[in-house]
Amino acid sequence: MPRSLGRGSLAGLVLWLALHPASAQLSGGVLRLFHRDSTASASLHEEASSSAAIPFSAIFNNLIIFDQHEKQNRLDTIRPELADSWEWNADFTRLTFQLHRGVKWHDGKPFTSADVKCTWDMLAGRSPDKLRLNPRKTWYGNLDQVVTDGDYSVSFVMKRSQPAFPMLLASGFSPVYPCHVSAAEMRNHPIGTGPFKLVEYKRNESIKLAKNPDYWKPGRPYLDGIEWTIIPNRATQTLAFVAGQVDMTFPYEESPETIKDIHAQAPTAICETDPTVMGFNLLINRDKPPFDDPDIRRALMLTLDRKSFLDILSEGQGQIGGAMQSPPPGLWGLPPDILQTLPGYGPDVAANRAEARKLMEKHGYGPDKHLSLKVQSRNIALFRDPSVIMIDQLKQIYIDGELEVVETANWYPKISRKDYTIAGNITGNGADDPDAHLFENYACGSDRNYTNYCNPELDKMFEEQSMEPDQEKRKKLVWEIDKRLIVDAARPMIFRYTSGTCWYPRVHGITLMVNSIFNGWRFEDAWLE
């Protein structure tokens, strides 16, 4: 028998609406937020940062979407959006969607199955219209073809079984694009089917969205618009919020220190901290000497004092983990007792560093011969601050680092072309699933594999876990993969932030996700009191 996702039916949507009545919501008003920086474009399929996903997701719709009011993204919290229902065949190789009728793009043209096919043909590299950057191409490496059956039915045909494929489609990075608008146009003037339309994007100044009066979901959105004011400086951001110039901070941007400032100066503000998926990690260019030597890479792993990052940056709050986000917010991360057995995770930092210095000395470095280099960081506080701490810790093993900051528009292109030696980076999950995170960040040849790590044996294990329908068996496979990635220093994860978001009591209808920073920003249920 074909396997159907029961919660992915139209009946599921009707039930959800019954449990979330709209009677209390008020219509009107413009939600004002500050934004931390300028993203290169408004095209979600070409961007890799929450700086793009958070403000521009409201323009689009997905086929399916994570429930916008469930804090944890899971397979069982996926809800219908442009698709009314979906169904697997028996061996999880063909996923068929029945599409919602009567949906129109912002320019009035009808949405059909052809738009779905155009979008994923482009993502798979099979379209004459090419993306300038395609950060998540590896997500769809198992997608053989997209087949339409009339205007309102479409099937994704896989090369092999992939039961968790809907997790990828429900991500905020998986909107449907229109066939009739080029990829180049979508960078500056995106057309969607979503609750809001782009009015204006002035780089380094503001992003303005207006209500879509013809939105296909009756009664949505409640807001007349959303306005983002770009304020790069953290102190200025706080001043703007406490002065009431914005209703809400940029999500997941507040540190424990800035939250204290906000509570002292704006006592009515509501602040929520979450152990988010934002993981600060060390990028090592494995192709540049001396980091092409595994001894040197292991020395870097051993010198890191992960706990000190949390103590300095977030008053001890946060998580230490591996490649996958740690539980309980994360679904797949290694348990603490396993982590403690791996290089650089044990509690004896002094012993770890002594071992690291021996490795460096083996290759000619020491008190009289230091290695000098630039350490790149994206020019926002969440990247810069821990990079400064990392540079200080590298001194313990004869490495003298100099911080070099890079603006957001240039950051991902720079590290994608491997134009760095060592960098402090933040990695987030577009979806908290190994099929998203492992293939994207660690598979041989992936555009987002910034360190050029390549292990064909692990690539086979990536596919093995992807085909496993038993989630407990799959988790054990993922743990083995995670341990190997740590030992190989593939992309050393240092810590995961516990970060905050603040808003005034007049803001309603927004839920912060705990295992993705990308997936809760449709804003169609947000309203102002």
Protein backbone atom coordinates (compact mmCIF):
# COMPACT_ATOMS: atom_id res chain seq x y z
CA MET A 1 0.00 0.00 0.00
CA PRO A 2 1.21 3.55 -0.64
CA ARG A 3 2.29 5.37 2.48
CA SER A 4 0.55 8.65 3.20
CA LEU A 5 1.60 11.35 5.64
CA GLY A 6 -1.69 11.70 7.50
CA ARG A 7 -0.83 15.13 8.90
CA GLY A 8 -0.11 16.28 5.38
CA SER A 9 -3.75 16.22 4.35
CA LEU A 10 -6.27 18.95 3.89
CA ALA A 11 -8.15 17.45 6.84
CA GLY A 12 -5.05 18.07 8.93
CA LEU A 13 -5.08 21.73 7.99
CA VAL A 14 -8.78 22.04 8.86
CA LEU A 15 -8.12 20.46 12.26
CA TRP A 16 -5.17 22.80 12.89
CA LEU A 17 -7.29 25.85 12.07
CA ALA A 18 -9.98 24.61 14.42
CA LEU A 19 -7.45 24.41 17.24
CA HIS A 20 -6.05 27.87 16.46
CA PRO A 21 -9.07 30.16 16.06
CA ALA A 22 -8.46 33.57 14.52
CA SER A 23 -11.16 35.42 16.47
CA ALA A 24 -8.75 37.22 18.82
CA GLN A 25 -6.40 38.55 16.18
CA LEU A 26 -6.51 42.16 15.08
CA SER A 27 -5.80 43.27 11.53
CA GLY A 28 -3.65 46.22 10.56
CA GLY A 29 -0.40 47.83 11.56
CA VAL A 30 3.18 47.51 10.41
CA LEU A 31 5.57 45.26 12.33
CA ARG A 32 8.93 46.99 12.74
CA LEU A 33 12.18 45.11 13.40
CA PHE A 34 15.85 45.90 13.16
CA HIS A 35 18.04 43.84 10.84
CA ARG A 36 21.68 43.19 11.67
CA ASP A 37 23.16 43.51 8.15
CA SER A 38 22.60 43.48 4.39
CA THR A 39 22.32 40.22 2.50
CA ALA A 40 23.57 39.96 -1.08
CA SER A 41 20.12 39.30 -2.55
CA ALA A 42 16.50 38.44 -1.83
CA SER A 43 16.71 35.09 -3.63
CA LEU A 44 16.40 32.39 -0.97
CA HIS A 45 17.64 29.67 -3.31
CA GLU A 46 20.91 31.56 -3.76
CA GLU A 47 21.48 32.63 -0.15
CA ALA A 48 22.85 30.75 2.85
CA SER A 49 22.14 33.07 5.77
CA SER A 50 19.27 33.78 8.10
CA SER A 51 19.88 37.41 7.11
CA ALA A 52 18.04 36.47 3.91
CA ALA A 53 15.73 33.71 5.12
CA ILE A 54 14.16 35.64 8.00
CA PRO A 55 13.01 38.82 6.18
CA PHE A 56 12.27 37.36 2.73
CA SER A 57 10.46 34.10 3.63
CA ALA A 58 7.23 36.07 4.00
CA ILE A 59 7.20 36.64 0.22
CA PHE A 60 6.98 32.94 -0.60
CA ASN A 61 5.21 29.66 0.05
CA ASN A 62 6.49 26.08 0.16
CA LEU A 63 4.75 22.93 -0.94
CA ILE A 64 4.78 21.92 2.73
CA ILE A 65 5.96 23.76 5.82
CA PHE A 66 6.85 23.11 9.44
CA ASP A 67 4.02 24.11 11.74
CA GLN A 68 4.75 27.77 12.44
CA HIS A 69 3.57 27.41 16.06
CA GLU A 70 5.54 24.28 17.02
CA LYS A 71 8.92 25.13 18.52
CA GLN A 72 10.67 21.96 17.35
CA ASN A 73 10.77 21.02 13.67
CA ARG A 74 10.06 17.32 13.17
CA LEU A 75 8.65 15.09 10.46
CA ASP A 76 5.34 14.91 12.33
CA THR A 77 5.01 18.72 12.55
CA ILE A 78 4.97 19.24 8.76
CA ARG A 79 1.79 20.88 7.49
CA PRO A 80 0.34 21.51 4.02
CA GLU A 81 0.91 24.79 2.24
CA LEU A 82 0.80 24.97 -1.58
CA ALA A 83 0.20 21.22 -1.50
CA ASP A 84 -3.12 20.06 -0.04
CA SER A 85 -1.85 16.50 0.45
CA TRP A 86 1.09 14.22 -0.28
CA GLU A 87 1.72 10.51 -0.46
CA TRP A 88 4.71 8.17 -0.72
CA ASN A 89 4.81 4.97 -2.72
CA ALA A 90 5.68 1.76 -0.85
CA ASP A 91 9.48 2.05 -1.04
CA PHE A 92 9.84 5.81 -0.50
CA THR A 93 11.06 6.52 -4.03
CA ARG A 94 8.12 8.55 -5.37
CA LEU A 95 6.48 11.39 -3.45
CA THR A 96 3.30 12.78 -5.04
CA PHE A 97 1.66 16.10 -4.17
CA GLN A 98 -1.86 17.30 -4.91
CA LEU A 99 -1.67 21.07 -5.23
CA HIS A 100 -3.98 23.80 -3.97
CA ARG A 101 -6.08 25.38 -6.71
CA GLY A 102 -6.68 29.06 -7.24
CA VAL A 103 -3.30 30.29 -6.01
CA LYS A 104 -1.82 33.27 -7.84
CA TRP A 105 1.63 34.77 -7.98
CA HIS A 106 2.00 38.36 -6.85
CA ASP A 107 1.85 39.49 -10.50
CA GLY A 108 -1.50 37.73 -10.99
CA LYS A 109 -0.34 34.70 -12.97
CA PRO A 110 -1.65 31.30 -11.80
CA PHE A 111 0.46 28.89 -9.78
CA THR A 112 0.61 25.38 -11.30
CA SER A 113 2.64 22.19 -11.14
CA ALA A 114 4.91 23.62 -13.84
CA ASP A 115 6.28 26.10 -11.29
CA VAL A 116 7.21 23.25 -8.95
CA LYS A 117 8.99 21.41 -11.74
CA CYS A 118 10.82 24.58 -12.86
CA THR A 119 12.02 25.27 -9.32
CA TRP A 120 13.51 21.85 -8.63
CA ASP A 121 14.89 21.41 -12.15
CA MET A 122 16.79 24.65 -11.52
CA LEU A 123 17.99 23.47 -8.09
CA ALA A 124 19.15 20.17 -9.59
CA GLY A 125 21.05 22.01 -12.36
CA ARG A 126 18.81 20.71 -15.14
CA SER A 127 17.27 24.03 -16.15
CA PRO A 128 18.43 26.54 -18.80
CA ASP A 129 17.87 29.22 -16.13
CA LYS A 130 20.87 29.00 -13.82
CA LEU A 131 21.32 30.11 -10.23
CA ARG A 132 24.39 32.24 -9.60
CA LEU A 133 24.95 30.30 -6.37
CA ASN A 134 23.23 27.04 -5.43
CA PRO A 135 24.05 26.42 -1.73
CA ARG A 136 21.70 23.47 -1.29
CA LYS A 137 22.19 21.62 -4.57
CA THR A 138 23.39 18.56 -2.63
CA TRP A 139 20.02 18.37 -0.88
CA TYR A 140 18.62 17.17 -4.19
CA GLY A 141 21.40 14.85 -5.30
CA ASN A 142 19.03 11.91 -4.91
CA LEU A 143 16.24 13.58 -6.90
CA ASP A 144 16.04 11.87 -10.29
CA GLN A 145 13.22 13.91 -11.83
CA VAL A 146 10.10 15.95 -11.15
CA VAL A 147 7.04 14.77 -13.08
CA THR A 148 3.80 16.71 -13.53
CA ASP A 149 0.37 15.18 -14.05
CA GLY A 150 -1.85 18.04 -15.14
CA ASP A 151 -1.72 21.47 -13.50
CA TYR A 152 -2.33 20.31 -9.93
CA SER A 153 -0.38 17.10 -9.39
CA VAL A 154 3.38 16.70 -9.23
CA SER A 155 5.71 13.87 -8.21
CA PHE A 156 9.30 13.84 -6.97
CA VAL A 157 11.01 10.68 -8.22
CA MET A 158 14.06 9.51 -6.28
CA LYS A 159 17.06 7.45 -7.36
CA ARG A 160 16.88 5.55 -4.07
CA SER A 161 14.70 5.46 -0.98
CA GLN A 162 14.69 8.69 1.08
CA PRO A 163 11.96 8.67 3.75
CA ALA A 164 12.97 12.03 5.30
CA PHE A 165 12.86 13.98 2.03
CA PRO A 166 9.82 16.03 3.21
CA MET A 167 12.06 17.57 5.90
CA LEU A 168 14.01 19.28 3.13
CA LEU A 169 10.90 20.54 1.35
CA ALA A 170 9.49 22.01 4.58
CA SER A 171 12.56 24.18 5.20
CA GLY A 172 12.41 27.95 4.91
CA PHE A 173 15.03 27.55 2.19
CA SER A 174 12.65 25.55 -0.04
CA PRO A 175 10.12 28.01 -1.50
CA VAL A 176 8.52 27.48 -4.89
CA TYR A 177 9.68 29.96 -7.55
CA PRO A 178 7.64 31.09 -10.58
CA CYS A 179 8.53 29.67 -14.00
CA HIS A 180 7.93 33.01 -15.69
CA VAL A 181 10.44 35.03 -13.61
CA SER A 182 14.17 34.55 -14.18
CA ALA A 183 16.62 33.67 -11.43
CA ALA A 184 18.36 37.02 -12.02
CA GLU A 185 15.11 38.95 -11.44
CA MET A 186 14.43 37.02 -8.22
CA ARG A 187 17.59 38.44 -6.66
CA ASN A 188 16.27 42.00 -6.53
CA HIS A 189 12.54 41.79 -7.34
CA PRO A 190 11.28 38.43 -6.06
CA ILE A 191 7.77 37.33 -6.99
CA GLY A 192 6.08 34.84 -4.70
CA THR A 193 2.66 33.54 -3.72
CA GLY A 194 3.17 34.45 -0.06
CA PRO A 195 1.36 36.72 2.41
CA PHE A 196 3.59 39.74 1.72
CA LYS A 197 5.01 41.47 -1.34
CA LEU A 198 8.39 43.16 -1.59
CA VAL A 199 7.99 46.93 -1.73
CA GLU A 200 11.61 47.97 -1.43
CA TYR A 201 15.05 46.65 -0.56
CA LYS A 202 17.64 49.34 0.02
CA ARG A 203 20.91 47.64 0.87
CA ASN A 204 22.43 48.80 4.14
CA GLU A 205 19.22 50.74 4.87
CA SER A 206 15.91 48.86 4.93
CA ILE A 207 13.62 46.10 3.68
CA LYS A 208 9.91 46.88 3.31
CA LEU A 209 7.11 44.37 2.70
CA ALA A 210 3.40 45.07 2.16
CA LYS A 211 0.36 42.86 2.70
CA ASN A 212 -0.67 40.74 -0.26
CA PRO A 213 -4.38 41.69 -0.55
CA ASP A 214 -5.06 38.70 -2.81
CA TYR A 215 -3.41 36.10 -0.59
CA TRP A 216 -4.93 32.69 -1.14
CA LYS A 217 -5.34 31.92 2.58
CA PRO A 218 -8.56 33.68 3.66
CA GLY A 219 -8.11 36.31 6.35
CA ARG A 220 -4.31 36.25 6.24
CA PRO A 221 -2.06 38.05 6.80
CA TYR A 222 -3.17 40.27 9.66
CA LEU A 223 -0.39 42.84 9.31
CA ASP A 224 -0.45 45.61 6.71
CA GLY A 225 3.30 45.34 6.34
CA ILE A 226 6.71 44.54 7.79
CA GLU A 227 9.62 46.96 7.89
CA TRP A 228 13.22 46.05 8.67
CA THR A 229 15.72 48.80 9.48
CA ILE A 230 19.31 47.70 8.96
CA ILE A 231 21.38 48.55 12.06
CA PRO A 232 24.76 46.76 12.13
CA ASN A 233 25.97 48.07 15.50
CA ARG A 234 24.78 46.03 18.49
CA ALA A 235 24.64 48.98 20.92
CA THR A 236 22.63 51.01 18.43
CA GLN A 237 20.28 48.07 17.93
CA THR A 238 19.56 47.98 21.67
CA LEU A 239 18.99 51.74 21.79
CA ALA A 240 16.53 51.53 18.90
CA PHE A 241 14.57 48.78 20.64
CA VAL A 242 14.40 50.37 24.10
CA ALA A 243 13.38 53.68 22.49
CA GLY A 244 10.40 51.92 20.90
CA GLN A 245 11.59 52.54 17.35
CA VAL A 246 11.16 48.83 16.59
CA ASP A 247 8.66 46.29 17.93
CA MET A 248 11.00 43.31 17.85
CA THR A 249 14.71 42.57 17.68
CA PHE A 250 16.33 40.54 14.93
CA PRO A 251 15.64 36.91 15.90
CA TYR A 252 18.30 35.06 17.90
CA GLU A 253 20.56 38.13 17.96
CA GLU A 254 20.51 39.09 21.66
CA SER A 255 23.20 37.99 24.08
CA PRO A 256 22.64 37.59 27.85
CA GLU A 257 24.31 40.99 28.30
CA THR A 258 22.10 42.84 25.82
CA ILE A 259 19.00 41.18 27.28
CA LYS A 260 19.97 42.56 30.70
CA ASP A 261 20.28 46.03 29.15
CA ILE A 262 16.87 45.68 27.52
CA HIS A 263 15.17 44.52 30.72
CA ALA A 264 16.74 47.40 32.64
CA GLN A 265 15.61 50.04 30.16
CA ALA A 266 12.41 48.50 28.76
CA PRO A 267 10.93 46.43 31.60
CA THR A 268 7.76 45.56 29.67
CA ALA A 269 9.74 43.81 26.93
CA ILE A 270 9.44 40.05 26.60
CA CYS A 271 12.70 38.21 25.90
CA GLU A 272 13.03 34.54 25.08
CA THR A 273 16.30 32.63 24.95
CA ASP A 274 16.63 29.45 22.95
CA PRO A 275 19.41 26.88 22.50
CA THR A 276 19.43 27.58 18.79
CA VAL A 277 21.03 25.64 15.99
CA MET A 278 23.64 28.36 15.44
CA GLY A 279 26.92 26.53 15.89
CA PHE A 280 30.19 28.44 15.93
CA ASN A 281 32.82 26.34 14.18
CA LEU A 282 36.39 26.48 13.00
CA LEU A 283 36.89 26.35 9.24
CA ILE A 284 40.27 24.93 8.25
CA ASN A 285 41.38 25.15 4.63
CA ARG A 286 42.73 21.63 4.26
CA ASP A 287 44.35 22.47 0.92
CA LYS A 288 46.65 25.17 2.34
CA PRO A 289 49.91 24.16 4.05
CA PRO A 290 50.49 23.47 6.87
CA PHE A 291 46.81 22.60 7.40
CA ASP A 292 46.99 19.87 4.78
CA ASP A 293 48.73 17.88 7.54
CA PRO A 294 46.39 15.94 9.88
CA ASP A 295 48.71 16.56 12.84
CA ILE A 296 48.26 20.32 12.55
CA ARG A 297 44.50 19.99 12.21
CA ARG A 298 44.39 17.75 15.29
CA ALA A 299 46.44 20.32 17.22
CA LEU A 300 43.78 22.92 16.42
CA MET A 301 41.09 20.59 17.73
CA LEU A 302 42.98 19.96 20.97
CA THR A 303 43.69 23.59 21.84
CA LEU A 304 40.03 24.62 21.90
CA ASP A 305 38.56 25.23 25.35
CA ARG A 306 34.89 25.04 24.43
CA LYS A 307 33.53 25.81 27.88
CA SER A 308 35.41 29.12 28.03
CA PHE A 309 33.55 30.36 24.95
CA LEU A 310 30.25 29.81 26.73
CA ASP A 311 31.51 31.37 29.96
CA ILE A 312 32.78 34.51 28.22
CA LEU A 313 30.06 35.04 25.62
CA SER A 314 26.87 33.80 27.23
CA GLU A 315 27.37 33.46 30.98
CA GLY A 316 27.82 29.70 30.68
CA GLN A 317 24.65 29.20 28.64
CA GLY A 318 24.73 27.24 25.40
CA GLN A 319 25.65 23.77 24.21
CA ILE A 320 28.80 21.86 23.35
CA GLY A 321 28.25 19.28 20.66
CA GLY A 322 29.31 17.76 17.38
CA ALA A 323 28.16 18.13 13.79
CA MET A 324 24.48 17.59 14.58
CA GLN A 325 22.69 19.81 17.10
CA SER A 326 22.70 18.40 20.61
CA PRO A 327 19.56 17.14 22.36
CA PRO A 328 17.05 17.99 23.69
CA PRO A 329 16.37 20.75 21.10
CA GLY A 330 18.25 18.81 18.41
CA LEU A 331 16.94 15.49 17.16
CA TRP A 332 20.20 13.79 16.10
CA GLY A 333 23.13 15.05 18.20
CA LEU A 334 25.65 12.96 20.14
CA PRO A 335 24.97 12.36 23.86
CA PRO A 336 27.42 14.08 26.27
CA ASP A 337 28.98 10.81 27.46
CA ILE A 338 30.10 9.99 23.91
CA LEU A 339 31.37 13.52 23.26
CA GLN A 340 33.66 13.38 26.30
CA THR A 341 35.64 10.54 24.70
CA LEU A 342 36.47 12.50 21.52
CA PRO A 343 39.53 14.72 20.78
CA GLY A 344 39.22 18.19 22.29
CA TYR A 345 36.04 17.46 24.25
CA GLY A 346 37.54 16.03 27.43
CA PRO A 347 37.63 18.23 30.55
CA ASP A 348 41.44 18.35 30.90
CA VAL A 349 42.20 21.36 28.70
CA ALA A 350 45.81 21.63 29.91
CA ALA A 351 46.55 18.03 28.90
CA ASN A 352 44.88 18.56 25.52
CA ARG A 353 47.01 21.63 24.85
CA ALA A 354 50.19 19.87 25.92
CA GLU A 355 49.45 17.18 23.34
CA ALA A 356 48.68 19.88 20.76
CA ARG A 357 52.02 21.64 21.37
CA LYS A 358 53.88 18.35 20.88
CA LEU A 359 52.19 17.95 17.50
CA MET A 360 53.13 21.49 16.50
CA GLU A 361 56.73 20.99 17.71
CA LYS A 362 56.95 17.78 15.68
CA HIS A 363 56.53 19.97 12.59
CA GLY A 364 59.03 22.63 13.58
CA TYR A 365 56.89 25.15 15.45
CA GLY A 366 57.60 26.26 18.99
CA PRO A 367 58.34 29.22 21.30
CA ASP A 368 60.89 30.59 18.82
CA LYS A 369 58.94 29.83 15.65
CA HIS A 370 55.28 30.85 15.46
CA LEU A 371 52.84 30.42 12.61
CA SER A 372 51.33 33.79 11.61
CA LEU A 373 48.09 33.99 9.64
CA LYS A 374 44.84 35.87 9.05
CA VAL A 375 41.67 34.57 10.69
CA GLN A 376 38.58 35.54 8.70
CA SER A 377 35.20 36.32 10.28
CA ARG A 378 31.92 37.66 9.03
CA ASN A 379 31.42 41.22 10.23
CA ILE A 380 28.63 40.68 12.74
CA ALA A 381 29.01 40.21 16.49
CA LEU A 382 27.91 36.56 16.56
CA PHE A 383 30.89 35.73 14.31
CA ARG A 384 33.44 38.33 15.42
CA ASP A 385 33.32 37.90 19.20
CA PRO A 386 34.06 34.16 19.33
CA SER A 387 36.67 34.55 16.58
CA VAL A 388 38.61 36.89 18.89
CA ILE A 389 38.51 34.25 21.66
CA MET A 390 39.60 31.57 19.19
CA ILE A 391 42.61 33.68 18.15
CA ASP A 392 43.62 33.97 21.79
CA GLN A 393 43.41 30.20 22.26
CA LEU A 394 45.49 29.54 19.14
CA LYS A 395 48.38 31.41 20.80
CA GLN A 396 48.63 28.47 23.20
CA ILE A 397 50.01 26.35 20.33
CA TYR A 398 52.32 28.90 18.67
CA ILE A 399 49.79 30.32 16.20
CA ASP A 400 49.51 34.12 15.92
CA GLY A 401 46.21 35.07 14.31
CA GLU A 402 45.09 38.46 13.04
CA LEU A 403 41.34 39.05 12.69
CA GLU A 404 40.10 40.00 9.22
CA VAL A 405 36.39 40.88 8.99
CA VAL A 406 34.32 40.34 5.84
CA GLU A 407 30.94 41.91 5.05
CA THR A 408 27.94 39.59 4.74
CA ALA A 409 27.46 40.07 0.99
CA ASN A 410 31.01 38.82 0.43
CA TRP A 411 31.27 36.24 3.21
CA TYR A 412 29.71 33.11 1.70
CA PRO A 413 31.16 33.64 -1.79
CA LYS A 414 34.60 34.08 -0.19
CA ILE A 415 34.59 30.91 1.87
CA SER A 416 32.83 28.96 -0.93
CA ARG A 417 35.79 29.61 -3.21
CA LYS A 418 38.11 28.62 -0.33
CA ASP A 419 39.66 32.09 -0.14
CA TYR A 420 40.72 31.74 3.50
CA THR A 421 43.20 29.87 5.68
CA ILE A 422 41.36 29.69 9.02
CA ALA A 423 37.94 31.20 9.65
CA GLY A 424 35.41 31.50 12.44
CA ASN A 425 32.04 30.53 11.01
CA ILE A 426 28.47 29.88 12.14
CA THR A 427 26.62 26.92 10.67
CA GLY A 428 22.88 26.47 10.96
CA ASN A 429 20.51 23.75 9.79
CA GLY A 430 18.03 24.58 7.07
CA ALA A 431 16.30 21.49 8.44
CA ASP A 432 17.27 19.47 11.50
CA ASP A 433 17.81 16.30 9.55
CA PRO A 434 21.00 14.45 8.56
CA ASP A 435 19.96 14.52 4.88
CA ALA A 436 20.18 18.30 5.00
CA HIS A 437 23.18 18.82 7.26
CA LEU A 438 25.53 15.99 6.28
CA PHE A 439 25.22 16.18 2.51
CA GLU A 440 25.32 19.97 2.50
CA ASN A 441 28.31 20.52 4.78
CA TYR A 442 30.44 17.37 4.58
CA ALA A 443 29.80 15.49 1.31
CA CYS A 444 32.57 15.37 -1.26
CA GLY A 445 32.14 18.18 -3.77
CA SER A 446 29.33 20.06 -2.01
CA ASP A 447 29.40 23.85 -2.56
CA ARG A 448 28.79 24.32 1.18
CA ASN A 449 31.63 21.97 2.15
CA TYR A 450 33.84 24.95 2.92
CA THR A 451 36.82 22.93 4.20
CA ASN A 452 37.02 20.58 1.17
CA TYR A 453 36.71 17.62 3.51
CA CYS A 454 36.13 14.44 1.49
CA ASN A 455 35.74 10.91 2.81
CA PRO A 456 34.16 8.52 0.26
CA GLU A 457 33.56 5.95 2.99
CA LEU A 458 31.50 8.47 4.96
CA ASP A 459 29.64 9.51 1.81
CA LYS A 460 28.42 5.90 1.59
CA MET A 461 27.33 6.11 5.23
CA PHE A 462 25.46 9.34 4.45
CA GLU A 463 23.41 7.41 1.88
CA GLU A 464 22.95 4.44 4.22
CA GLN A 465 21.41 6.59 6.98
CA SER A 466 19.29 8.41 4.40
CA MET A 467 17.65 5.17 3.27
CA GLU A 468 16.99 3.86 6.79
CA PRO A 469 13.27 4.14 7.66
CA ASP A 470 13.74 3.06 11.30
CA GLN A 471 14.54 6.32 13.10
CA GLU A 472 16.35 4.69 16.05
CA LYS A 473 18.61 2.67 13.76
CA ARG A 474 19.16 5.80 11.70
CA LYS A 475 20.17 7.77 14.80
CA LYS A 476 22.88 5.20 15.69
CA LEU A 477 24.28 5.48 12.15
CA VAL A 478 24.30 9.27 12.42
CA TRP A 479 26.16 9.09 15.75
CA GLU A 480 28.89 6.97 14.13
CA ILE A 481 29.16 9.51 11.31
CA ASP A 482 29.34 12.41 13.75
CA LYS A 483 32.16 10.76 15.71
CA ARG A 484 34.16 10.25 12.51
CA LEU A 485 33.69 13.87 11.49
CA ILE A 486 35.01 15.03 14.87
CA VAL A 487 38.06 12.75 14.79
CA ASP A 488 38.84 13.89 11.23
CA ALA A 489 38.50 17.60 12.20
CA ALA A 490 36.16 17.96 9.23
CA ARG A 491 34.69 21.22 10.54
CA PRO A 492 35.36 21.45 14.28
CA MET A 493 32.22 22.56 16.10
CA ILE A 494 33.17 24.70 19.11
CA PHE A 495 29.84 25.59 20.73
CA ARG A 496 26.22 26.43 20.00
CA TYR A 497 24.78 29.71 21.14
CA THR A 498 21.94 30.16 23.51
CA SER A 499 20.68 33.42 22.10
CA GLY A 500 17.67 35.63 22.60
CA THR A 501 14.90 37.51 20.86
CA CYS A 502 12.96 40.38 22.42
CA TRP A 503 9.62 41.97 21.55
CA TYR A 504 7.03 44.19 23.13
CA PRO A 505 3.73 42.74 24.44
CA ARG A 506 1.88 44.25 21.48
CA VAL A 507 3.48 41.63 19.17
CA HIS A 508 1.62 38.31 18.84
CA GLY A 509 1.55 35.20 16.69
CA ILE A 510 5.28 34.49 16.27
CA THR A 511 6.90 31.28 17.55
CA LEU A 512 10.68 30.90 17.81
CA MET A 513 12.05 27.54 16.64
CA VAL A 514 14.64 25.71 18.76
CA ASN A 515 16.26 23.54 16.08
CA SER A 516 16.34 25.89 13.12
CA ILE A 517 16.73 29.65 12.72
CA PHE A 518 15.37 29.56 9.17
CA ASN A 519 11.91 28.04 9.37
CA GLY A 520 9.47 30.21 11.30
CA TRP A 521 9.18 33.39 9.28
CA ARG A 522 6.06 33.32 7.15
CA PHE A 523 4.62 36.04 9.48
CA GLU A 524 1.09 35.40 8.16
CA ASP A 525 -0.20 34.78 11.70
CA ALA A 526 1.63 37.73 13.29
CA TRP A 527 -0.50 40.59 14.57
CA LEU A 528 -0.21 43.76 16.62
CA GLU A 529 -2.38 44.66 19.58
